[in-house]
Amino acid sequence: MMLSRRAVLTGASAALLAAPLSTAALAQSSDDDPYPLPPFNYSKIPEAFRPTVVKYTGRQWPGTVIVDTPARQIYLVLQGGQAMRWGCAVGKDGFRWAGLADIGRKVMWPRWTPPKEMIARSPEKAKWANGMPGGPENPLGARALYLYQNGNDTLYRIHGTTDPMSIGHNASSGCIRMINQDVVELYRRVPIGTRVVVLAEGV
């Protein structure tokens, strides 16, 4: 189902008002994390992509995740007319996906297996055809949230990244990237079954 940005972000008034209420606490790795994350210097990225709490007057229920593809931002709707906001990277032209999904799986330091189509485009990735173990060099980063529709894996994920400077850009092969510290925070906050709304660009 294709959803327009206007339909999701506009209610009686503008749904997502970029007026930060407070800076969100920056996540650190949990005690049992096999690869503890060092602090990230958020001054390296534009303010619009730093973790922030903003006002929310839209119609999505608390607990819903909204990916604003055109703005390269991701929101978690909170109680009390607020939302957590982070920056993200989205798919390059020809690799974007939009619609409704649910988080069907959550993995810490996930294994990455490049699809056959990616290997065809980049033969050097063939060495990982059977999967690259999770860890700091893995392109899925510290956490992955797997997006499902009707119980089926869409093959799209919200995940961390080894390239934090890609945040705010069209940089991925379709998945939604977050800074590792940010995806750790989202991972902690959302259970399996969480509804995810991915907005179409240009609609």
N, C-alpha and C. Protein backbone atom coordinates (compact mmCIF):
# COMPACT_ATOMS: atom_id res chain seq x y z
N MET A 1 0.85 -1.19 0.00
CA MET A 1 0.00 0.00 0.00
C MET A 1 0.88 1.24 0.00
N MET A 2 0.71 2.11 -1.00
CA MET A 2 1.52 3.32 -1.10
C MET A 2 0.86 4.44 -0.29
N LEU A 3 1.61 5.04 0.61
CA LEU A 3 1.09 6.10 1.45
C LEU A 3 1.76 7.41 1.10
N SER A 4 0.98 8.47 1.02
CA SER A 4 1.57 9.77 0.74
C SER A 4 2.06 10.40 2.04
N ARG A 5 3.07 11.22 1.91
CA ARG A 5 3.62 11.91 3.08
C ARG A 5 2.57 12.82 3.69
N ARG A 6 1.77 13.49 2.82
CA ARG A 6 0.74 14.40 3.32
C ARG A 6 -0.29 13.66 4.17
N ALA A 7 -0.67 12.47 3.72
CA ALA A 7 -1.70 11.72 4.44
C ALA A 7 -1.26 11.34 5.84
N VAL A 8 0.03 11.04 6.01
CA VAL A 8 0.51 10.60 7.31
C VAL A 8 0.97 11.75 8.19
N LEU A 9 1.57 12.77 7.58
CA LEU A 9 2.17 13.84 8.36
C LEU A 9 1.26 15.04 8.58
N THR A 10 0.07 15.05 7.99
CA THR A 10 -0.82 16.19 8.13
C THR A 10 -2.13 15.77 8.75
N GLY A 11 -2.47 16.40 9.88
CA GLY A 11 -3.76 16.20 10.50
C GLY A 11 -4.47 17.53 10.50
N ALA A 12 -5.07 17.88 11.64
CA ALA A 12 -5.70 19.19 11.74
C ALA A 12 -4.66 20.30 11.63
N SER A 13 -3.43 19.97 12.03
CA SER A 13 -2.32 20.90 11.87
C SER A 13 -1.12 20.08 11.45
N ALA A 14 0.00 20.73 11.20
CA ALA A 14 1.19 20.00 10.78
C ALA A 14 1.52 18.93 11.80
N ALA A 15 1.75 17.72 11.34
CA ALA A 15 1.87 16.60 12.25
C ALA A 15 3.21 16.54 12.95
N LEU A 16 4.28 16.82 12.26
CA LEU A 16 5.60 16.73 12.85
C LEU A 16 6.23 18.11 12.81
N LEU A 17 6.28 18.74 13.96
CA LEU A 17 6.79 20.10 14.04
C LEU A 17 8.24 20.03 14.50
N ALA A 18 9.13 20.52 13.67
CA ALA A 18 10.55 20.39 13.96
C ALA A 18 10.99 21.41 14.99
N ALA A 19 10.33 21.42 16.13
CA ALA A 19 10.69 22.29 17.24
C ALA A 19 11.12 21.40 18.38
N PRO A 20 12.43 21.14 18.54
CA PRO A 20 12.88 20.20 19.55
C PRO A 20 12.49 20.62 20.95
N LEU A 21 12.01 19.67 21.74
CA LEU A 21 11.65 19.93 23.13
C LEU A 21 12.85 19.68 24.05
N SER A 22 13.60 18.65 23.73
CA SER A 22 14.81 18.34 24.49
C SER A 22 15.65 17.38 23.68
N THR A 23 16.92 17.34 23.96
CA THR A 23 17.79 16.41 23.26
C THR A 23 17.63 15.04 23.88
N ALA A 24 17.42 14.02 23.05
CA ALA A 24 17.24 12.67 23.55
C ALA A 24 18.53 12.15 24.17
N ALA A 25 18.39 11.30 25.18
CA ALA A 25 19.55 10.65 25.75
C ALA A 25 20.20 9.77 24.69
N LEU A 26 21.49 9.85 24.58
CA LEU A 26 22.20 9.10 23.56
C LEU A 26 22.49 7.70 24.06
N ALA A 27 22.11 6.71 23.27
CA ALA A 27 22.22 5.32 23.69
C ALA A 27 23.67 4.86 23.73
N GLN A 28 23.95 3.98 24.64
CA GLN A 28 25.21 3.28 24.67
C GLN A 28 24.91 1.78 24.60
N SER A 29 25.91 0.98 24.32
CA SER A 29 25.71 -0.45 24.22
C SER A 29 25.28 -1.02 25.57
N SER A 30 24.52 -2.13 25.53
CA SER A 30 24.14 -2.80 26.76
C SER A 30 25.33 -3.58 27.30
N ASP A 31 25.24 -3.98 28.56
CA ASP A 31 26.36 -4.64 29.21
C ASP A 31 26.74 -5.95 28.53
N ASP A 32 25.75 -6.61 27.90
CA ASP A 32 26.03 -7.90 27.26
C ASP A 32 26.36 -7.76 25.78
N ASP A 33 26.57 -6.54 25.31
CA ASP A 33 26.88 -6.32 23.90
C ASP A 33 28.29 -6.83 23.61
N PRO A 34 28.45 -7.73 22.62
CA PRO A 34 29.79 -8.26 22.34
C PRO A 34 30.74 -7.23 21.72
N TYR A 35 30.19 -6.15 21.19
CA TYR A 35 31.02 -5.11 20.56
C TYR A 35 30.58 -3.75 21.09
N PRO A 36 31.04 -3.35 22.27
CA PRO A 36 30.61 -2.07 22.85
C PRO A 36 30.88 -0.92 21.89
N LEU A 37 29.92 -0.01 21.81
CA LEU A 37 30.04 1.12 20.89
C LEU A 37 30.75 2.29 21.57
N PRO A 38 31.69 2.90 20.89
CA PRO A 38 32.26 4.14 21.42
C PRO A 38 31.26 5.28 21.25
N PRO A 39 31.39 6.36 22.00
CA PRO A 39 30.50 7.50 21.80
C PRO A 39 30.62 8.05 20.38
N PHE A 40 29.50 8.54 19.86
CA PHE A 40 29.51 9.13 18.52
C PHE A 40 29.45 10.64 18.66
N ASN A 41 30.25 11.35 17.88
CA ASN A 41 30.29 12.80 17.89
C ASN A 41 29.22 13.34 16.94
N TYR A 42 28.04 13.68 17.49
CA TYR A 42 26.93 14.12 16.66
C TYR A 42 27.16 15.48 16.01
N SER A 43 28.16 16.22 16.45
CA SER A 43 28.44 17.50 15.79
C SER A 43 28.92 17.31 14.36
N LYS A 44 29.25 16.07 13.99
CA LYS A 44 29.72 15.79 12.63
C LYS A 44 28.59 15.80 11.61
N ILE A 45 27.35 15.69 12.08
CA ILE A 45 26.22 15.62 11.15
C ILE A 45 25.31 16.81 11.38
N PRO A 46 24.52 17.22 10.38
CA PRO A 46 23.61 18.35 10.54
C PRO A 46 22.63 18.14 11.69
N GLU A 47 22.22 19.23 12.30
CA GLU A 47 21.33 19.18 13.47
C GLU A 47 20.04 18.43 13.18
N ALA A 48 19.53 18.53 11.94
CA ALA A 48 18.27 17.88 11.59
C ALA A 48 18.34 16.37 11.70
N PHE A 49 19.54 15.80 11.76
CA PHE A 49 19.70 14.36 11.80
C PHE A 49 20.22 13.86 13.16
N ARG A 50 20.24 14.73 14.15
CA ARG A 50 20.66 14.34 15.49
C ARG A 50 19.42 13.89 16.29
N PRO A 51 19.59 12.95 17.23
CA PRO A 51 18.43 12.48 18.00
C PRO A 51 17.80 13.60 18.83
N THR A 52 16.50 13.74 18.69
CA THR A 52 15.76 14.86 19.28
C THR A 52 14.34 14.41 19.59
N VAL A 53 13.73 15.04 20.58
CA VAL A 53 12.30 14.87 20.83
C VAL A 53 11.57 16.05 20.22
N VAL A 54 10.54 15.78 19.43
CA VAL A 54 9.78 16.84 18.76
C VAL A 54 8.29 16.69 19.08
N LYS A 55 7.53 17.73 18.81
CA LYS A 55 6.07 17.68 18.95
C LYS A 55 5.48 16.81 17.83
N TYR A 56 4.41 16.12 18.15
CA TYR A 56 3.74 15.28 17.15
C TYR A 56 2.23 15.45 17.30
N THR A 57 1.56 15.87 16.21
CA THR A 57 0.11 16.05 16.25
C THR A 57 -0.58 15.22 15.18
N GLY A 58 0.08 14.17 14.74
CA GLY A 58 -0.50 13.31 13.71
C GLY A 58 -1.44 12.28 14.28
N ARG A 59 -1.84 11.33 13.45
CA ARG A 59 -2.88 10.37 13.81
C ARG A 59 -2.35 8.99 14.10
N GLN A 60 -1.05 8.78 14.02
CA GLN A 60 -0.50 7.45 14.31
C GLN A 60 -0.46 7.20 15.83
N TRP A 61 -0.69 5.94 16.20
CA TRP A 61 -0.70 5.57 17.61
C TRP A 61 0.70 5.63 18.20
N PRO A 62 0.80 5.94 19.52
CA PRO A 62 2.09 5.82 20.18
C PRO A 62 2.67 4.42 19.97
N GLY A 63 3.97 4.37 19.74
CA GLY A 63 4.63 3.11 19.45
C GLY A 63 4.86 2.87 17.97
N THR A 64 4.21 3.66 17.11
CA THR A 64 4.39 3.53 15.67
C THR A 64 5.72 4.14 15.23
N VAL A 65 6.39 3.49 14.31
CA VAL A 65 7.61 4.02 13.70
C VAL A 65 7.24 4.61 12.33
N ILE A 66 7.66 5.83 12.07
CA ILE A 66 7.40 6.50 10.79
C ILE A 66 8.73 6.83 10.14
N VAL A 67 8.92 6.37 8.92
CA VAL A 67 10.13 6.71 8.15
C VAL A 67 9.73 7.77 7.13
N ASP A 68 10.20 8.99 7.35
CA ASP A 68 9.92 10.10 6.44
C ASP A 68 11.02 10.10 5.38
N THR A 69 10.79 9.34 4.32
CA THR A 69 11.82 9.15 3.29
C THR A 69 12.30 10.47 2.69
N PRO A 70 11.39 11.40 2.29
CA PRO A 70 11.88 12.65 1.69
C PRO A 70 12.79 13.46 2.61
N ALA A 71 12.50 13.43 3.93
CA ALA A 71 13.29 14.22 4.88
C ALA A 71 14.49 13.46 5.43
N ARG A 72 14.60 12.16 5.13
CA ARG A 72 15.67 11.31 5.67
C ARG A 72 15.65 11.36 7.20
N GLN A 73 14.46 11.19 7.76
CA GLN A 73 14.28 11.18 9.21
C GLN A 73 13.36 10.02 9.59
N ILE A 74 13.56 9.51 10.79
CA ILE A 74 12.73 8.43 11.30
C ILE A 74 12.20 8.83 12.67
N TYR A 75 10.93 8.52 12.91
CA TYR A 75 10.24 8.93 14.14
C TYR A 75 9.69 7.72 14.87
N LEU A 76 9.70 7.80 16.18
CA LEU A 76 8.97 6.86 17.03
C LEU A 76 7.95 7.68 17.80
N VAL A 77 6.67 7.43 17.55
CA VAL A 77 5.61 8.20 18.20
C VAL A 77 5.55 7.82 19.67
N LEU A 78 5.55 8.84 20.53
CA LEU A 78 5.49 8.68 21.98
C LEU A 78 4.13 9.10 22.50
N GLN A 79 3.90 8.89 23.78
CA GLN A 79 2.71 9.41 24.44
C GLN A 79 2.82 10.93 24.58
N GLY A 80 1.68 11.58 24.76
CA GLY A 80 1.68 12.99 25.10
C GLY A 80 2.01 13.94 23.98
N GLY A 81 1.74 13.56 22.73
CA GLY A 81 1.97 14.48 21.62
C GLY A 81 3.42 14.73 21.31
N GLN A 82 4.26 13.71 21.50
CA GLN A 82 5.68 13.85 21.21
C GLN A 82 6.15 12.68 20.34
N ALA A 83 7.33 12.83 19.77
CA ALA A 83 7.96 11.75 19.02
C ALA A 83 9.47 11.88 19.14
N MET A 84 10.15 10.75 19.19
CA MET A 84 11.59 10.73 19.05
C MET A 84 11.92 10.84 17.57
N ARG A 85 12.93 11.61 17.23
CA ARG A 85 13.34 11.77 15.84
C ARG A 85 14.84 11.53 15.70
N TRP A 86 15.18 10.75 14.68
CA TRP A 86 16.58 10.49 14.34
C TRP A 86 16.77 10.73 12.85
N GLY A 87 18.00 10.93 12.43
CA GLY A 87 18.31 10.95 11.01
C GLY A 87 18.48 9.54 10.49
N CYS A 88 18.32 9.38 9.18
CA CYS A 88 18.53 8.07 8.56
C CYS A 88 19.02 8.27 7.13
N ALA A 89 19.49 7.22 6.53
CA ALA A 89 19.78 7.19 5.10
C ALA A 89 18.76 6.26 4.45
N VAL A 90 18.38 6.58 3.23
CA VAL A 90 17.37 5.78 2.52
C VAL A 90 17.96 5.29 1.20
N GLY A 91 17.16 4.55 0.45
CA GLY A 91 17.64 3.93 -0.78
C GLY A 91 17.96 4.93 -1.88
N LYS A 92 18.91 4.56 -2.71
CA LYS A 92 19.21 5.32 -3.90
C LYS A 92 18.05 5.23 -4.88
N ASP A 93 18.09 6.06 -5.92
CA ASP A 93 17.05 5.99 -6.95
C ASP A 93 16.94 4.57 -7.49
N GLY A 94 15.73 4.08 -7.56
CA GLY A 94 15.49 2.74 -8.06
C GLY A 94 15.54 1.66 -7.00
N PHE A 95 15.89 2.04 -5.76
CA PHE A 95 16.01 1.03 -4.70
C PHE A 95 15.12 1.34 -3.50
N ARG A 96 14.21 2.31 -3.64
CA ARG A 96 13.39 2.68 -2.49
C ARG A 96 12.13 1.84 -2.40
N TRP A 97 11.64 1.71 -1.18
CA TRP A 97 10.41 0.99 -0.91
C TRP A 97 9.57 1.84 0.03
N ALA A 98 8.25 1.77 -0.10
CA ALA A 98 7.36 2.51 0.79
C ALA A 98 6.12 1.67 1.05
N GLY A 99 5.49 1.92 2.18
CA GLY A 99 4.27 1.20 2.51
C GLY A 99 4.18 0.91 3.99
N LEU A 100 3.29 -0.02 4.35
CA LEU A 100 3.08 -0.43 5.74
C LEU A 100 3.78 -1.76 5.98
N ALA A 101 4.39 -1.89 7.13
CA ALA A 101 5.05 -3.14 7.49
C ALA A 101 5.00 -3.28 9.01
N ASP A 102 5.42 -4.42 9.48
CA ASP A 102 5.56 -4.67 10.92
C ASP A 102 6.96 -5.21 11.17
N ILE A 103 7.50 -4.92 12.35
CA ILE A 103 8.78 -5.49 12.72
C ILE A 103 8.56 -6.97 13.06
N GLY A 104 9.12 -7.84 12.23
CA GLY A 104 8.91 -9.26 12.41
C GLY A 104 10.07 -9.98 13.08
N ARG A 105 11.19 -9.28 13.20
CA ARG A 105 12.40 -9.90 13.76
C ARG A 105 13.34 -8.80 14.21
N LYS A 106 14.06 -9.03 15.30
CA LYS A 106 15.06 -8.10 15.81
C LYS A 106 16.34 -8.87 16.10
N VAL A 107 17.48 -8.34 15.62
CA VAL A 107 18.74 -9.05 15.79
C VAL A 107 19.84 -8.08 16.22
N MET A 108 20.59 -8.49 17.24
CA MET A 108 21.77 -7.75 17.68
C MET A 108 22.96 -8.19 16.82
N TRP A 109 23.71 -7.24 16.29
CA TRP A 109 24.87 -7.50 15.43
C TRP A 109 24.53 -8.59 14.41
N PRO A 110 23.61 -8.28 13.48
CA PRO A 110 23.09 -9.29 12.56
C PRO A 110 24.11 -9.76 11.53
N ARG A 111 23.87 -10.96 11.03
CA ARG A 111 24.61 -11.51 9.91
C ARG A 111 24.09 -10.87 8.63
N TRP A 112 24.97 -10.55 7.71
CA TRP A 112 24.58 -9.93 6.44
C TRP A 112 24.84 -10.89 5.29
N THR A 113 23.81 -11.12 4.48
CA THR A 113 23.94 -11.95 3.29
C THR A 113 23.50 -11.12 2.09
N PRO A 114 24.42 -10.71 1.23
CA PRO A 114 24.04 -9.89 0.08
C PRO A 114 23.15 -10.69 -0.87
N PRO A 115 22.06 -10.09 -1.37
CA PRO A 115 21.21 -10.79 -2.34
C PRO A 115 21.95 -11.02 -3.66
N LYS A 116 21.44 -11.96 -4.43
CA LYS A 116 22.08 -12.30 -5.70
C LYS A 116 22.19 -11.09 -6.62
N GLU A 117 21.16 -10.22 -6.59
CA GLU A 117 21.17 -9.05 -7.45
C GLU A 117 22.33 -8.11 -7.09
N MET A 118 22.61 -7.99 -5.78
CA MET A 118 23.72 -7.14 -5.35
C MET A 118 25.06 -7.74 -5.77
N ILE A 119 25.18 -9.05 -5.65
CA ILE A 119 26.43 -9.72 -6.07
C ILE A 119 26.64 -9.54 -7.56
N ALA A 120 25.54 -9.59 -8.34
CA ALA A 120 25.67 -9.39 -9.78
C ALA A 120 26.18 -7.99 -10.10
N ARG A 121 25.75 -7.00 -9.32
CA ARG A 121 26.21 -5.62 -9.53
C ARG A 121 27.61 -5.41 -9.00
N SER A 122 27.93 -6.10 -7.89
CA SER A 122 29.23 -5.92 -7.23
C SER A 122 29.84 -7.29 -6.96
N PRO A 123 30.50 -7.88 -7.94
CA PRO A 123 31.02 -9.25 -7.80
C PRO A 123 31.96 -9.46 -6.61
N GLU A 124 32.59 -8.39 -6.14
CA GLU A 124 33.50 -8.54 -5.01
C GLU A 124 32.77 -8.99 -3.74
N LYS A 125 31.45 -8.83 -3.71
CA LYS A 125 30.67 -9.25 -2.54
C LYS A 125 30.36 -10.75 -2.56
N ALA A 126 30.76 -11.44 -3.62
CA ALA A 126 30.47 -12.88 -3.73
C ALA A 126 31.08 -13.67 -2.58
N LYS A 127 32.17 -13.17 -1.99
CA LYS A 127 32.80 -13.90 -0.89
C LYS A 127 31.89 -14.00 0.33
N TRP A 128 30.84 -13.15 0.37
CA TRP A 128 29.89 -13.18 1.48
C TRP A 128 28.57 -13.82 1.06
N ALA A 129 28.57 -14.59 0.00
CA ALA A 129 27.33 -15.18 -0.49
C ALA A 129 26.65 -16.06 0.55
N ASN A 130 27.43 -16.64 1.45
CA ASN A 130 26.88 -17.47 2.52
C ASN A 130 26.73 -16.71 3.83
N GLY A 131 26.97 -15.42 3.77
CA GLY A 131 26.75 -14.59 4.95
C GLY A 131 28.03 -14.06 5.57
N MET A 132 28.00 -12.81 5.98
CA MET A 132 29.10 -12.17 6.70
C MET A 132 28.72 -12.10 8.17
N PRO A 133 29.55 -12.64 9.08
CA PRO A 133 29.20 -12.61 10.50
C PRO A 133 28.99 -11.19 11.01
N GLY A 134 28.14 -11.06 12.02
CA GLY A 134 27.91 -9.75 12.62
C GLY A 134 29.16 -9.23 13.29
N GLY A 135 29.28 -7.92 13.34
CA GLY A 135 30.43 -7.29 13.97
C GLY A 135 30.62 -5.88 13.47
N PRO A 136 31.62 -5.17 13.97
CA PRO A 136 31.82 -3.76 13.63
C PRO A 136 32.02 -3.49 12.14
N GLU A 137 32.48 -4.47 11.35
CA GLU A 137 32.70 -4.26 9.93
C GLU A 137 31.48 -4.66 9.09
N ASN A 138 30.49 -5.22 9.71
CA ASN A 138 29.30 -5.69 8.99
C ASN A 138 28.44 -4.49 8.58
N PRO A 139 28.03 -4.39 7.31
CA PRO A 139 27.27 -3.22 6.86
C PRO A 139 25.90 -3.05 7.52
N LEU A 140 25.37 -4.09 8.19
CA LEU A 140 24.09 -3.93 8.89
C LEU A 140 24.26 -3.28 10.26
N GLY A 141 25.49 -3.11 10.69
CA GLY A 141 25.73 -2.39 11.93
C GLY A 141 25.33 -3.16 13.18
N ALA A 142 25.02 -2.39 14.23
CA ALA A 142 24.84 -2.95 15.57
C ALA A 142 23.51 -3.66 15.77
N ARG A 143 22.49 -3.27 15.06
CA ARG A 143 21.16 -3.86 15.24
C ARG A 143 20.44 -3.85 13.90
N ALA A 144 19.49 -4.79 13.75
CA ALA A 144 18.62 -4.79 12.57
C ALA A 144 17.21 -5.11 12.99
N LEU A 145 16.26 -4.36 12.44
CA LEU A 145 14.82 -4.57 12.61
C LEU A 145 14.29 -4.98 11.25
N TYR A 146 13.77 -6.19 11.14
CA TYR A 146 13.38 -6.77 9.86
C TYR A 146 11.90 -6.46 9.60
N LEU A 147 11.61 -5.91 8.42
CA LEU A 147 10.26 -5.47 8.09
C LEU A 147 9.50 -6.57 7.36
N TYR A 148 8.34 -6.91 7.88
CA TYR A 148 7.50 -7.98 7.34
C TYR A 148 6.15 -7.42 6.91
N GLN A 149 5.55 -8.05 5.92
CA GLN A 149 4.18 -7.78 5.51
C GLN A 149 3.44 -9.11 5.44
N ASN A 150 2.32 -9.19 6.14
CA ASN A 150 1.50 -10.41 6.15
C ASN A 150 2.32 -11.64 6.49
N GLY A 151 3.24 -11.48 7.42
CA GLY A 151 4.06 -12.59 7.87
C GLY A 151 5.23 -12.93 6.98
N ASN A 152 5.43 -12.18 5.90
CA ASN A 152 6.50 -12.45 4.95
C ASN A 152 7.58 -11.37 5.02
N ASP A 153 8.83 -11.78 4.96
CA ASP A 153 9.95 -10.86 5.00
C ASP A 153 9.97 -10.03 3.71
N THR A 154 9.95 -8.70 3.85
CA THR A 154 10.01 -7.82 2.68
C THR A 154 11.43 -7.72 2.11
N LEU A 155 12.42 -8.20 2.87
CA LEU A 155 13.85 -8.05 2.56
C LEU A 155 14.36 -6.64 2.81
N TYR A 156 13.51 -5.78 3.39
CA TYR A 156 13.94 -4.45 3.80
C TYR A 156 14.11 -4.43 5.31
N ARG A 157 15.08 -3.64 5.78
CA ARG A 157 15.39 -3.56 7.20
C ARG A 157 15.63 -2.12 7.62
N ILE A 158 15.46 -1.86 8.90
CA ILE A 158 16.01 -0.67 9.55
C ILE A 158 17.24 -1.19 10.30
N HIS A 159 18.40 -0.64 10.00
CA HIS A 159 19.62 -1.21 10.58
C HIS A 159 20.67 -0.13 10.81
N GLY A 160 21.74 -0.51 11.48
CA GLY A 160 22.85 0.39 11.72
C GLY A 160 23.71 0.52 10.47
N THR A 161 24.87 1.14 10.64
CA THR A 161 25.73 1.38 9.48
C THR A 161 27.19 1.50 9.90
N THR A 162 28.07 1.15 8.98
CA THR A 162 29.50 1.40 9.16
C THR A 162 29.90 2.76 8.58
N ASP A 163 28.93 3.47 8.01
CA ASP A 163 29.20 4.75 7.35
C ASP A 163 28.25 5.82 7.90
N PRO A 164 28.49 6.31 9.11
CA PRO A 164 27.56 7.27 9.71
C PRO A 164 27.42 8.56 8.91
N MET A 165 28.41 8.90 8.08
CA MET A 165 28.31 10.13 7.30
C MET A 165 27.35 9.99 6.13
N SER A 166 26.82 8.80 5.91
CA SER A 166 25.79 8.62 4.87
C SER A 166 24.42 9.04 5.35
N ILE A 167 24.28 9.28 6.66
CA ILE A 167 22.98 9.66 7.22
C ILE A 167 22.55 10.99 6.61
N GLY A 168 21.28 11.05 6.20
CA GLY A 168 20.76 12.24 5.54
C GLY A 168 20.84 12.18 4.03
N HIS A 169 21.25 11.04 3.49
CA HIS A 169 21.44 10.92 2.04
C HIS A 169 20.69 9.70 1.49
N ASN A 170 20.56 9.67 0.17
CA ASN A 170 20.09 8.47 -0.54
C ASN A 170 21.33 7.63 -0.79
N ALA A 171 21.56 6.64 0.06
CA ALA A 171 22.86 5.98 0.02
C ALA A 171 22.79 4.46 0.04
N SER A 172 21.64 3.89 0.35
CA SER A 172 21.58 2.45 0.55
C SER A 172 21.01 1.74 -0.66
N SER A 173 20.97 0.42 -0.57
CA SER A 173 20.35 -0.41 -1.61
C SER A 173 18.89 -0.69 -1.29
N GLY A 174 18.26 0.22 -0.57
CA GLY A 174 16.85 0.13 -0.29
C GLY A 174 16.50 0.13 1.18
N CYS A 175 17.41 -0.38 2.02
CA CYS A 175 17.13 -0.43 3.45
C CYS A 175 17.29 0.96 4.08
N ILE A 176 16.89 1.06 5.34
CA ILE A 176 16.90 2.31 6.08
C ILE A 176 18.03 2.25 7.10
N ARG A 177 19.03 3.08 6.93
CA ARG A 177 20.20 3.07 7.81
C ARG A 177 20.06 4.10 8.92
N MET A 178 20.58 3.76 10.09
CA MET A 178 20.68 4.70 11.20
C MET A 178 22.09 4.62 11.78
N ILE A 179 22.51 5.68 12.44
CA ILE A 179 23.75 5.63 13.22
C ILE A 179 23.61 4.50 14.24
N ASN A 180 24.68 3.76 14.48
CA ASN A 180 24.59 2.60 15.36
C ASN A 180 24.00 2.92 16.73
N GLN A 181 24.44 4.03 17.33
CA GLN A 181 23.90 4.39 18.65
C GLN A 181 22.39 4.64 18.58
N ASP A 182 21.92 5.18 17.46
CA ASP A 182 20.50 5.49 17.31
C ASP A 182 19.68 4.23 17.09
N VAL A 183 20.19 3.30 16.27
CA VAL A 183 19.42 2.08 16.05
C VAL A 183 19.40 1.23 17.31
N VAL A 184 20.43 1.31 18.15
CA VAL A 184 20.40 0.62 19.44
C VAL A 184 19.25 1.16 20.28
N GLU A 185 19.07 2.48 20.29
CA GLU A 185 17.99 3.08 21.08
C GLU A 185 16.63 2.67 20.53
N LEU A 186 16.45 2.70 19.21
CA LEU A 186 15.19 2.28 18.62
C LEU A 186 14.93 0.80 18.91
N TYR A 187 15.95 -0.03 18.79
CA TYR A 187 15.85 -1.47 19.06
C TYR A 187 15.34 -1.71 20.48
N ARG A 188 15.84 -0.93 21.43
CA ARG A 188 15.43 -1.09 22.82
C ARG A 188 13.96 -0.72 23.04
N ARG A 189 13.49 0.22 22.27
CA ARG A 189 12.17 0.80 22.53
C ARG A 189 11.02 0.09 21.83
N VAL A 190 11.29 -0.65 20.75
CA VAL A 190 10.18 -1.20 19.97
C VAL A 190 10.17 -2.73 20.02
N PRO A 191 9.04 -3.33 20.29
CA PRO A 191 8.94 -4.79 20.31
C PRO A 191 8.63 -5.34 18.92
N ILE A 192 8.78 -6.64 18.78
CA ILE A 192 8.33 -7.31 17.56
C ILE A 192 6.83 -7.09 17.42
N GLY A 193 6.39 -6.82 16.21
CA GLY A 193 4.98 -6.50 15.96
C GLY A 193 4.72 -5.02 15.80
N THR A 194 5.72 -4.18 16.08
CA THR A 194 5.55 -2.73 15.92
C THR A 194 5.22 -2.37 14.48
N ARG A 195 4.21 -1.49 14.31
CA ARG A 195 3.85 -1.02 12.98
C ARG A 195 4.87 0.01 12.49
N VAL A 196 5.28 -0.12 11.23
CA VAL A 196 6.22 0.80 10.60
C VAL A 196 5.56 1.39 9.36
N VAL A 197 5.54 2.70 9.26
CA VAL A 197 4.98 3.41 8.13
C VAL A 197 6.13 4.04 7.35
N VAL A 198 6.38 3.58 6.13
CA VAL A 198 7.46 4.12 5.31
C VAL A 198 6.83 4.97 4.22
N LEU A 199 7.12 6.26 4.26
CA LEU A 199 6.47 7.21 3.35
C LEU A 199 7.16 7.25 2.00
N ALA A 200 6.38 7.38 0.97
CA ALA A 200 6.92 7.44 -0.40
C ALA A 200 7.50 8.80 -0.67
N GLU A 201 8.56 8.82 -1.46
CA GLU A 201 9.15 10.09 -1.89
C GLU A 201 8.48 10.54 -3.17
N GLY A 202 8.15 11.83 -3.24
CA GLY A 202 7.56 12.39 -4.43
C GLY A 202 6.07 12.15 -4.59
N VAL A 203 5.40 11.70 -3.48
CA VAL A 203 3.95 11.45 -3.54
C VAL A 203 3.24 12.46 -2.66
